[in-house]
Amino acid sequence: MMGIFTDSSALVIADMIHDFVDESGKLYVPGISEIVPAIAALIAEARSQGVPVLFVNDAHDPDDFEFKQWGEHAVDGSLGAQVVGELAPAEGDYVIEKKRYSIFYKTDVEELLEKLGIHHLVITGTVTNICVMVSAIEALMRDYAVTVPRSGVKALNDKDHEFALDQIERVFGGKVV
């Protein structure tokens, strides 16, 4: 992935938290461990180039409306809502909690990106057709350039994964690499 970042890029890691990444997690994504090395490499590359690294994670209230759809998961303050150790945030990284699929919904992500002079988002994480796709589409609607590394995202199944990447690129104008 060398050369994926520009001087106005930020790396976004969506929901690489225990409840989705650990096999014992409440909403484990099968095969998710396959993308951890690619995300770790992108984090290292971003940090070495001074590119901001943003971890944007589910952190739900105990009675969250979303639990009707998915069951209880990633409760704010629980281990399930924490980034897995292999990708642990470092000093200087940003950790932002979200309550819904989009990294923008009721968060300060947009203000942070503006403050940092960011115009390009490299979006990684899980789930490709849920948080990644919704966040990518919202970023594109806000006139950010978006790149989604195929090796850095995962869905619950291949059909949903390919559908989401196709929509991000063909319909909404993002770049899938």
C-alpha atoms as a PDB file:
ATOM      1  CA  MET A   1       0.000   0.000   0.000  1.00  0.00           C
ATOM      2  CA  MET A   2       3.012   2.297  -0.150  1.00  0.00           C
ATOM      3  CA  GLY A   3       2.083   5.687  -1.505  1.00  0.00           C
ATOM      4  CA  ILE A   4      -1.581   5.573  -0.480  1.00  0.00           C
ATOM      5  CA  PHE A   5      -1.304   8.703   1.696  1.00  0.00           C
ATOM      6  CA  THR A   6      -1.037  12.355   0.661  1.00  0.00           C
ATOM      7  CA  ASP A   7      -0.154  15.360   2.797  1.00  0.00           C
ATOM      8  CA  SER A   8      -3.895  15.881   3.426  1.00  0.00           C
ATOM      9  CA  SER A   9      -4.749  12.269   4.331  1.00  0.00           C
ATOM     10  CA  ALA A  10      -5.994  10.687   7.525  1.00  0.00           C
ATOM     11  CA  LEU A  11      -6.192   6.955   8.231  1.00  0.00           C
ATOM     12  CA  VAL A  12      -9.534   5.852   9.694  1.00  0.00           C
ATOM     13  CA  ILE A  13      -9.824   2.510  11.481  1.00  0.00           C
ATOM     14  CA  ALA A  14     -13.486   1.667  12.069  1.00  0.00           C
ATOM     15  CA  ASP A  15     -14.540  -0.745  14.790  1.00  0.00           C
ATOM     16  CA  MET A  16     -11.478  -2.971  15.092  1.00  0.00           C
ATOM     17  CA  ILE A  17     -12.667  -3.688  18.615  1.00  0.00           C
ATOM     18  CA  HIS A  18     -12.866  -6.818  20.745  1.00  0.00           C
ATOM     19  CA  ASP A  19     -16.567  -7.517  20.139  1.00  0.00           C
ATOM     20  CA  PHE A  20     -15.945  -7.741  16.360  1.00  0.00           C
ATOM     21  CA  VAL A  21     -12.355  -9.059  16.209  1.00  0.00           C
ATOM     22  CA  ASP A  22     -12.074 -11.567  19.086  1.00  0.00           C
ATOM     23  CA  GLU A  23     -13.554 -14.996  18.359  1.00  0.00           C
ATOM     24  CA  SER A  24     -15.361 -14.724  21.703  1.00  0.00           C
ATOM     25  CA  GLY A  25     -16.697 -11.244  20.838  1.00  0.00           C
ATOM     26  CA  LYS A  26     -20.421 -10.581  20.838  1.00  0.00           C
ATOM     27  CA  LEU A  27     -20.519  -9.875  17.058  1.00  0.00           C
ATOM     28  CA  TYR A  28     -17.402 -11.677  15.836  1.00  0.00           C
ATOM     29  CA  VAL A  29     -16.716 -11.174  12.131  1.00  0.00           C
ATOM     30  CA  PRO A  30     -15.491 -14.508  10.696  1.00  0.00           C
ATOM     31  CA  GLY A  31     -12.035 -14.212   9.124  1.00  0.00           C
ATOM     32  CA  ILE A  32     -11.433 -10.715  10.494  1.00  0.00           C
ATOM     33  CA  SER A  33      -7.928 -11.663  11.648  1.00  0.00           C
ATOM     34  CA  GLU A  34      -6.941 -11.714   7.942  1.00  0.00           C
ATOM     35  CA  ILE A  35      -7.076  -7.905   7.760  1.00  0.00           C
ATOM     36  CA  VAL A  36      -5.244  -7.113  11.005  1.00  0.00           C
ATOM     37  CA  PRO A  37      -1.725  -7.275   9.447  1.00  0.00           C
ATOM     38  CA  ALA A  38      -2.738  -4.988   6.555  1.00  0.00           C
ATOM     39  CA  ILE A  39      -4.252  -2.438   8.946  1.00  0.00           C
ATOM     40  CA  ALA A  40      -1.191  -2.651  11.219  1.00  0.00           C
ATOM     41  CA  ALA A  41       1.046  -1.941   8.205  1.00  0.00           C
ATOM     42  CA  LEU A  42      -1.102   1.050   7.204  1.00  0.00           C
ATOM     43  CA  ILE A  43      -0.971   2.384  10.763  1.00  0.00           C
ATOM     44  CA  ALA A  44       2.831   2.100  10.791  1.00  0.00           C
ATOM     45  CA  GLU A  45       3.087   3.799   7.387  1.00  0.00           C
ATOM     46  CA  ALA A  46       0.721   6.590   8.444  1.00  0.00           C
ATOM     47  CA  ARG A  47       2.553   7.240  11.695  1.00  0.00           C
ATOM     48  CA  SER A  48       5.939   7.275   9.912  1.00  0.00           C
ATOM     49  CA  GLN A  49       4.631   9.934   7.507  1.00  0.00           C
ATOM     50  CA  GLY A  50       2.919  12.054  10.150  1.00  0.00           C
ATOM     51  CA  VAL A  51      -0.534  11.131   8.826  1.00  0.00           C
ATOM     52  CA  PRO A  52      -3.217  11.354  11.545  1.00  0.00           C
ATOM     53  CA  VAL A  53      -4.584   7.979  12.685  1.00  0.00           C
ATOM     54  CA  LEU A  54      -8.219   7.957  13.828  1.00  0.00           C
ATOM     55  CA  PHE A  55      -9.766   4.994  15.613  1.00  0.00           C
ATOM     56  CA  VAL A  56     -13.546   5.401  15.442  1.00  0.00           C
ATOM     57  CA  ASN A  57     -15.297   2.788  17.559  1.00  0.00           C
ATOM     58  CA  ASP A  58     -18.753   1.737  18.591  1.00  0.00           C
ATOM     59  CA  ALA A  59     -19.376   2.688  22.229  1.00  0.00           C
ATOM     60  CA  HIS A  60     -23.067   2.111  22.842  1.00  0.00           C
ATOM     61  CA  ASP A  61     -25.249   3.118  25.758  1.00  0.00           C
ATOM     62  CA  PRO A  62     -26.574   0.104  27.737  1.00  0.00           C
ATOM     63  CA  ASP A  63     -30.071   0.577  26.261  1.00  0.00           C
ATOM     64  CA  ASP A  64     -29.006   1.507  22.719  1.00  0.00           C
ATOM     65  CA  PHE A  65     -31.696   1.350  20.026  1.00  0.00           C
ATOM     66  CA  GLU A  66     -29.269  -0.525  17.728  1.00  0.00           C
ATOM     67  CA  PHE A  67     -29.405  -3.570  20.033  1.00  0.00           C
ATOM     68  CA  LYS A  68     -32.869  -4.356  18.634  1.00  0.00           C
ATOM     69  CA  GLN A  69     -31.138  -5.135  15.316  1.00  0.00           C
ATOM     70  CA  TRP A  70     -27.817  -6.627  16.446  1.00  0.00           C
ATOM     71  CA  GLY A  71     -28.115  -7.549  20.108  1.00  0.00           C
ATOM     72  CA  GLU A  72     -26.017  -5.989  22.831  1.00  0.00           C
ATOM     73  CA  HIS A  73     -22.428  -5.268  21.753  1.00  0.00           C
ATOM     74  CA  ALA A  74     -19.634  -2.738  22.235  1.00  0.00           C
ATOM     75  CA  VAL A  75     -21.149  -1.202  25.354  1.00  0.00           C
ATOM     76  CA  ASP A  76     -19.358   2.017  26.285  1.00  0.00           C
ATOM     77  CA  GLY A  77     -16.607   1.262  28.821  1.00  0.00           C
ATOM     78  CA  SER A  78     -16.588  -2.497  28.203  1.00  0.00           C
ATOM     79  CA  LEU A  79     -13.685  -4.549  26.853  1.00  0.00           C
ATOM     80  CA  GLY A  80     -15.853  -5.248  23.790  1.00  0.00           C
ATOM     81  CA  ALA A  81     -15.689  -1.563  22.833  1.00  0.00           C
ATOM     82  CA  GLN A  82     -11.869  -1.345  23.083  1.00  0.00           C
ATOM     83  CA  VAL A  83      -9.468  -1.557  20.132  1.00  0.00           C
ATOM     84  CA  VAL A  84      -7.705  -4.929  19.973  1.00  0.00           C
ATOM     85  CA  GLY A  85      -4.148  -5.036  21.260  1.00  0.00           C
ATOM     86  CA  GLU A  86      -2.514  -5.743  17.892  1.00  0.00           C
ATOM     87  CA  LEU A  87      -3.780  -2.381  16.634  1.00  0.00           C
ATOM     88  CA  ALA A  88      -3.634  -0.439  19.907  1.00  0.00           C
ATOM     89  CA  PRO A  89      -3.794   3.338  19.585  1.00  0.00           C
ATOM     90  CA  ALA A  90      -0.528   5.128  20.358  1.00  0.00           C
ATOM     91  CA  GLU A  91       0.148   8.543  21.797  1.00  0.00           C
ATOM     92  CA  GLY A  92      -0.848  11.099  19.176  1.00  0.00           C
ATOM     93  CA  ASP A  93      -3.567   8.916  17.635  1.00  0.00           C
ATOM     94  CA  TYR A  94      -7.197   9.936  17.953  1.00  0.00           C
ATOM     95  CA  VAL A  95      -9.800   7.653  19.541  1.00  0.00           C
ATOM     96  CA  ILE A  96     -13.384   8.664  18.857  1.00  0.00           C
ATOM     97  CA  GLU A  97     -16.514   6.937  20.096  1.00  0.00           C
ATOM     98  CA  LYS A  98     -19.590   6.602  17.906  1.00  0.00           C
ATOM     99  CA  LYS A  99     -23.137   5.433  18.577  1.00  0.00           C
ATOM    100  CA  ARG A 100     -24.177   4.531  15.011  1.00  0.00           C
ATOM    101  CA  TYR A 101     -22.696   3.155  11.789  1.00  0.00           C
ATOM    102  CA  SER A 102     -21.273   6.409  10.430  1.00  0.00           C
ATOM    103  CA  ILE A 103     -18.048   7.882  11.776  1.00  0.00           C
ATOM    104  CA  PHE A 104     -19.713  11.297  11.301  1.00  0.00           C
ATOM    105  CA  TYR A 105     -23.046  10.772  13.082  1.00  0.00           C
ATOM    106  CA  LYS A 106     -23.064  12.771  16.335  1.00  0.00           C
ATOM    107  CA  THR A 107     -19.253  12.743  16.605  1.00  0.00           C
ATOM    108  CA  ASP A 108     -16.675  15.509  16.293  1.00  0.00           C
ATOM    109  CA  VAL A 109     -14.871  13.742  13.418  1.00  0.00           C
ATOM    110  CA  GLU A 110     -15.724  16.400  10.841  1.00  0.00           C
ATOM    111  CA  GLU A 111     -14.493  19.239  13.068  1.00  0.00           C
ATOM    112  CA  LEU A 112     -11.292  17.315  13.790  1.00  0.00           C
ATOM    113  CA  LEU A 113     -10.652  16.657  10.081  1.00  0.00           C
ATOM    114  CA  GLU A 114     -11.195  20.341   9.303  1.00  0.00           C
ATOM    115  CA  LYS A 115      -8.828  21.392  12.103  1.00  0.00           C
ATOM    116  CA  LEU A 116      -6.190  18.974  10.776  1.00  0.00           C
ATOM    117  CA  GLY A 117      -6.611  20.120   7.150  1.00  0.00           C
ATOM    118  CA  ILE A 118      -7.699  16.688   5.962  1.00  0.00           C
ATOM    119  CA  HIS A 119      -9.223  16.254   2.484  1.00  0.00           C
ATOM    120  CA  HIS A 120      -8.581  12.524   1.923  1.00  0.00           C
ATOM    121  CA  LEU A 121      -9.674   9.598   4.072  1.00  0.00           C
ATOM    122  CA  VAL A 122      -8.219   6.107   3.894  1.00  0.00           C
ATOM    123  CA  ILE A 123     -10.959   4.030   5.510  1.00  0.00           C
ATOM    124  CA  THR A 124     -10.291   0.572   6.949  1.00  0.00           C
ATOM    125  CA  GLY A 125     -11.974  -1.763   9.415  1.00  0.00           C
ATOM    126  CA  THR A 126     -15.250  -3.580   9.725  1.00  0.00           C
ATOM    127  CA  VAL A 127     -17.897  -4.211   8.618  1.00  0.00           C
ATOM    128  CA  THR A 128     -17.354  -3.395   4.894  1.00  0.00           C
ATOM    129  CA  ASN A 129     -21.041  -3.098   4.012  1.00  0.00           C
ATOM    130  CA  ILE A 130     -22.090  -1.399   7.237  1.00  0.00           C
ATOM    131  CA  CYS A 131     -19.805   1.048   9.065  1.00  0.00           C
ATOM    132  CA  VAL A 132     -17.155   1.242   6.336  1.00  0.00           C
ATOM    133  CA  MET A 133     -19.624   1.799   3.483  1.00  0.00           C
ATOM    134  CA  VAL A 134     -21.859   4.242   5.379  1.00  0.00           C
ATOM    135  CA  SER A 135     -18.818   6.229   6.522  1.00  0.00           C
ATOM    136  CA  ALA A 136     -17.255   6.233   3.042  1.00  0.00           C
ATOM    137  CA  ILE A 137     -20.492   7.435   1.434  1.00  0.00           C
ATOM    138  CA  GLU A 138     -20.951  10.162   4.036  1.00  0.00           C
ATOM    139  CA  ALA A 139     -17.328  11.267   3.552  1.00  0.00           C
ATOM    140  CA  LEU A 140     -17.809  11.414  -0.222  1.00  0.00           C
ATOM    141  CA  MET A 141     -21.017  13.445   0.234  1.00  0.00           C
ATOM    142  CA  ARG A 142     -18.960  15.875   2.325  1.00  0.00           C
ATOM    143  CA  ASP A 143     -16.453  16.217  -0.573  1.00  0.00           C
ATOM    144  CA  TYR A 144     -13.631  14.198   0.960  1.00  0.00           C
ATOM    145  CA  ALA A 145     -11.612  11.968  -1.348  1.00  0.00           C
ATOM    146  CA  VAL A 146     -11.953   8.388  -0.089  1.00  0.00           C
ATOM    147  CA  THR A 147      -9.701   5.381  -0.564  1.00  0.00           C
ATOM    148  CA  VAL A 148     -10.685   1.957   0.754  1.00  0.00           C
ATOM    149  CA  PRO A 149      -7.879  -0.646   0.784  1.00  0.00           C
ATOM    150  CA  ARG A 150      -9.512  -3.978  -0.108  1.00  0.00           C
ATOM    151  CA  SER A 151      -7.052  -5.800   2.185  1.00  0.00           C
ATOM    152  CA  GLY A 152      -8.002  -3.574   5.121  1.00  0.00           C
ATOM    153  CA  VAL A 153     -11.759  -4.183   5.286  1.00  0.00           C
ATOM    154  CA  LYS A 154     -13.939  -7.211   6.053  1.00  0.00           C
ATOM    155  CA  ALA A 155     -17.644  -8.067   5.909  1.00  0.00           C
ATOM    156  CA  LEU A 156     -19.639 -10.946   7.335  1.00  0.00           C
ATOM    157  CA  ASN A 157     -19.579 -12.596   3.899  1.00  0.00           C
ATOM    158  CA  ASP A 158     -17.917 -12.152   0.502  1.00  0.00           C
ATOM    159  CA  LYS A 159     -21.125 -11.129  -1.298  1.00  0.00           C
ATOM    160  CA  ASP A 160     -21.733  -8.188   1.066  1.00  0.00           C
ATOM    161  CA  HIS A 161     -18.029  -7.258   0.955  1.00  0.00           C
ATOM    162  CA  GLU A 162     -17.908  -7.099  -2.854  1.00  0.00           C
ATOM    163  CA  PHE A 163     -21.262  -5.296  -3.063  1.00  0.00           C
ATOM    164  CA  ALA A 164     -20.088  -2.587  -0.672  1.00  0.00           C
ATOM    165  CA  LEU A 165     -16.756  -2.045  -2.431  1.00  0.00           C
ATOM    166  CA  ASP A 166     -18.561  -1.856  -5.792  1.00  0.00           C
ATOM    167  CA  GLN A 167     -21.024   0.715  -4.447  1.00  0.00           C
ATOM    168  CA  ILE A 168     -18.292   2.832  -2.857  1.00  0.00           C
ATOM    169  CA  GLU A 169     -16.318   2.949  -6.096  1.00  0.00           C
ATOM    170  CA  ARG A 170     -18.770   2.669  -8.999  1.00  0.00           C
ATOM    171  CA  VAL A 171     -21.765   4.520  -7.585  1.00  0.00           C
ATOM    172  CA  PHE A 172     -20.285   7.023  -5.131  1.00  0.00           C
ATOM    173  CA  GLY A 173     -16.858   7.730  -6.663  1.00  0.00           C
ATOM    174  CA  GLY A 174     -14.528   6.454  -3.986  1.00  0.00           C
ATOM    175  CA  LYS A 175     -11.361   4.557  -4.830  1.00  0.00           C
ATOM    176  CA  VAL A 176     -10.871   0.895  -3.928  1.00  0.00           C
ATOM    177  CA  VAL A 177      -7.277  -0.310  -4.031  1.00  0.00           C
END
